[in-house]
């Protein structure tokens, strides 16, 4: 087992996460990361912070990024961020969501054994006591990272 730093959006280490060593390595010879971070984009204000967080983690763990997105507002915001992914060398794939994002996160993490953890943006103040987040946490096959834009006074 190895530990990986949990980094906030300001690149400050806020904790550590234990990860099996084989999940941290990537197959550099094939040019594709074996393991991925799943990022869910829904069109919320916190999506940009979630994307920045996911990119930083992908670089640090040398993993790929799988982006699950809702069509419309999320797709438009995502298209503006794709050049940053390419510039930073993060291998990514995109999946358009056809249903409820939380259901699709559960399905993807349950069927794909290569997802280290899922990242979602949440509104300020939402936490694990929210029924939708609690359900997601209880039914995921991997850890869930929630990212929120906190308003500063």
Protein backbone atom coordinates (compact mmCIF):
# COMPACT_ATOMS: atom_id res chain seq x y z
CA UNK A 1 0.00 0.00 0.00
CA UNK A 2 1.08 3.55 -0.71
CA UNK A 3 -0.38 6.80 0.48
CA UNK A 4 -1.42 9.57 -1.85
CA UNK A 5 -1.89 13.16 -0.80
CA UNK A 6 -5.38 14.61 -0.88
CA UNK A 7 -4.85 18.08 -2.33
CA UNK A 8 -7.29 21.00 -2.17
CA UNK A 9 -7.86 23.42 -5.03
CA UNK A 10 -5.02 25.66 -3.80
CA UNK A 11 -2.52 22.76 -4.03
CA UNK A 12 -2.47 22.47 -0.25
CA UNK A 13 -2.25 18.96 1.20
CA UNK A 14 -5.33 18.43 3.34
CA UNK A 15 -4.95 14.73 4.10
CA UNK A 16 -3.70 11.39 2.91
CA UNK A 17 -5.45 8.47 1.28
CA UNK A 18 -4.22 4.86 1.31
CA UNK A 19 -4.14 3.43 -2.21
CA UNK A 20 -2.87 -0.01 -3.29
CA UNK A 21 0.50 0.51 -4.99
CA UNK A 22 -0.62 -1.17 -8.21
CA UNK A 23 -3.40 1.40 -8.57
CA UNK A 24 -0.94 4.31 -8.54
CA UNK A 25 1.22 3.10 -11.39
CA UNK A 26 0.39 3.63 -15.04
CA UNK A 27 1.46 1.72 -18.10
CA UNK A 28 3.68 4.34 -19.68
CA UNK A 29 4.69 2.03 -22.54
CA UNK A 30 1.17 1.91 -23.94
CA UNK A 31 0.67 5.66 -23.61
CA UNK A 32 -2.56 5.15 -21.67
CA UNK A 33 -3.07 5.17 -17.94
CA UNK A 34 -4.39 1.90 -16.55
CA UNK A 35 -6.29 3.56 -13.75
CA UNK A 36 -8.50 6.59 -13.88
CA UNK A 37 -10.20 9.26 -11.88
CA UNK A 38 -13.90 9.62 -12.68
CA UNK A 39 -15.01 13.26 -12.85
CA UNK A 40 -18.73 14.04 -13.03
CA UNK A 41 -19.65 17.43 -14.55
CA UNK A 42 -23.23 18.64 -14.21
CA UNK A 43 -23.10 22.31 -15.19
CA UNK A 44 -22.77 23.70 -11.65
CA UNK A 45 -20.51 26.58 -10.62
CA UNK A 46 -18.18 24.16 -8.81
CA UNK A 47 -17.43 22.20 -12.02
CA UNK A 48 -14.35 24.29 -12.82
CA UNK A 49 -12.91 23.68 -9.34
CA UNK A 50 -13.70 19.97 -9.68
CA UNK A 51 -11.94 19.84 -13.03
CA UNK A 52 -8.86 21.63 -11.68
CA UNK A 53 -8.76 19.25 -8.71
CA UNK A 54 -9.09 16.21 -10.97
CA UNK A 55 -6.34 17.43 -13.32
CA UNK A 56 -3.95 18.00 -10.40
CA UNK A 57 -4.64 14.55 -8.98
CA UNK A 58 -4.22 12.89 -12.38
CA UNK A 59 -0.82 14.54 -12.77
CA UNK A 60 0.29 13.57 -9.26
CA UNK A 61 -0.87 9.94 -9.50
CA UNK A 62 -0.08 9.58 -13.21
CA UNK A 63 -3.61 8.39 -14.00
CA UNK A 64 -6.10 9.08 -16.74
CA UNK A 65 -9.31 11.05 -16.41
CA UNK A 66 -12.74 9.79 -17.33
CA UNK A 67 -15.23 12.66 -17.64
CA UNK A 68 -18.94 11.96 -17.24
CA UNK A 69 -20.92 15.02 -18.28
CA UNK A 70 -24.50 16.20 -18.77
CA UNK A 71 -25.27 17.57 -22.24
CA UNK A 72 -25.90 21.30 -22.53
CA UNK A 73 -24.39 23.69 -20.02
CA UNK A 74 -21.82 21.17 -18.73
CA UNK A 75 -20.71 20.22 -22.24
CA UNK A 76 -20.18 23.86 -23.18
CA UNK A 77 -18.10 24.55 -20.06
CA UNK A 78 -16.12 21.38 -20.60
CA UNK A 79 -15.23 22.26 -24.18
CA UNK A 80 -13.51 25.42 -22.91
CA UNK A 81 -11.37 23.32 -20.52
CA UNK A 82 -10.22 20.60 -22.93
CA UNK A 83 -7.19 22.58 -24.13
CA UNK A 84 -5.90 22.64 -20.52
CA UNK A 85 -6.14 18.84 -20.32
CA UNK A 86 -4.18 18.49 -23.55
CA UNK A 87 -1.61 21.10 -22.50
CA UNK A 88 -0.95 19.30 -19.22
CA UNK A 89 -0.76 15.89 -20.87
CA UNK A 90 -3.66 14.25 -19.05
CA UNK A 91 -5.09 11.30 -20.93
CA UNK A 92 -8.86 11.58 -20.86
CA UNK A 93 -12.05 10.14 -22.24
CA UNK A 94 -15.54 11.62 -22.20
CA UNK A 95 -18.88 9.95 -21.58
CA UNK A 96 -22.15 11.80 -22.15
CA UNK A 97 -24.66 11.11 -19.39
CA UNK A 98 -28.09 10.04 -20.55
CA UNK A 99 -29.70 9.78 -17.11
CA UNK A 100 -29.24 10.84 -13.53
CA UNK A 101 -25.58 11.62 -12.92
CA UNK A 102 -25.48 9.86 -9.55
CA UNK A 103 -26.93 6.66 -11.04
CA UNK A 104 -24.38 6.71 -13.85
CA UNK A 105 -21.51 7.29 -11.41
CA UNK A 106 -22.61 4.19 -9.50
CA UNK A 107 -22.90 2.17 -12.70
CA UNK A 108 -19.50 3.24 -14.04
CA UNK A 109 -17.65 2.67 -10.78
CA UNK A 110 -19.38 -0.67 -10.35
CA UNK A 111 -18.56 -1.98 -13.83
CA UNK A 112 -15.10 -0.50 -14.33
CA UNK A 113 -12.48 -1.82 -11.96
CA UNK A 114 -9.94 0.83 -12.92
CA UNK A 115 -11.58 3.86 -11.21
CA UNK A 116 -9.51 4.96 -8.19
CA UNK A 117 -12.14 7.43 -7.00
CA UNK A 118 -14.91 9.69 -8.25
CA UNK A 119 -14.91 13.50 -8.08
CA UNK A 120 -18.09 15.59 -8.09
CA UNK A 121 -18.86 19.25 -7.52
CA UNK A 122 -21.44 20.09 -4.88
CA UNK A 123 -23.10 23.36 -3.86
CA UNK A 124 -21.62 25.14 -0.81
CA UNK A 125 -22.97 23.66 2.41
CA UNK A 126 -23.94 20.30 0.92
CA UNK A 127 -22.38 17.41 2.81
CA UNK A 128 -22.72 13.69 3.36
CA UNK A 129 -25.97 14.16 5.29
CA UNK A 130 -27.67 15.13 2.00
CA UNK A 131 -29.69 12.05 0.95
CA UNK A 132 -28.37 12.02 -2.62
CA UNK A 133 -24.72 12.28 -1.49
CA UNK A 134 -25.26 9.73 1.30
CA UNK A 135 -26.79 7.28 -1.19
CA UNK A 136 -23.88 7.78 -3.57
CA UNK A 137 -21.30 7.26 -0.81
CA UNK A 138 -23.02 4.10 0.42
CA UNK A 139 -23.34 2.52 -3.02
CA UNK A 140 -20.02 3.38 -4.67
CA UNK A 141 -17.31 0.80 -5.17
CA UNK A 142 -14.64 3.50 -4.69
CA UNK A 143 -14.07 6.66 -2.61
CA UNK A 144 -15.98 9.85 -3.45
CA UNK A 145 -14.36 13.30 -3.38
CA UNK A 146 -16.72 16.28 -3.25
CA UNK A 147 -15.49 19.70 -4.34
CA UNK A 148 -17.29 22.91 -3.45
CA UNK A 149 -16.69 26.57 -4.15
CA UNK A 150 -16.94 28.21 -0.77
CA UNK A 151 -17.92 31.85 -0.81
CA UNK A 152 -15.36 33.94 1.04
CA UNK A 153 -16.59 36.92 3.03
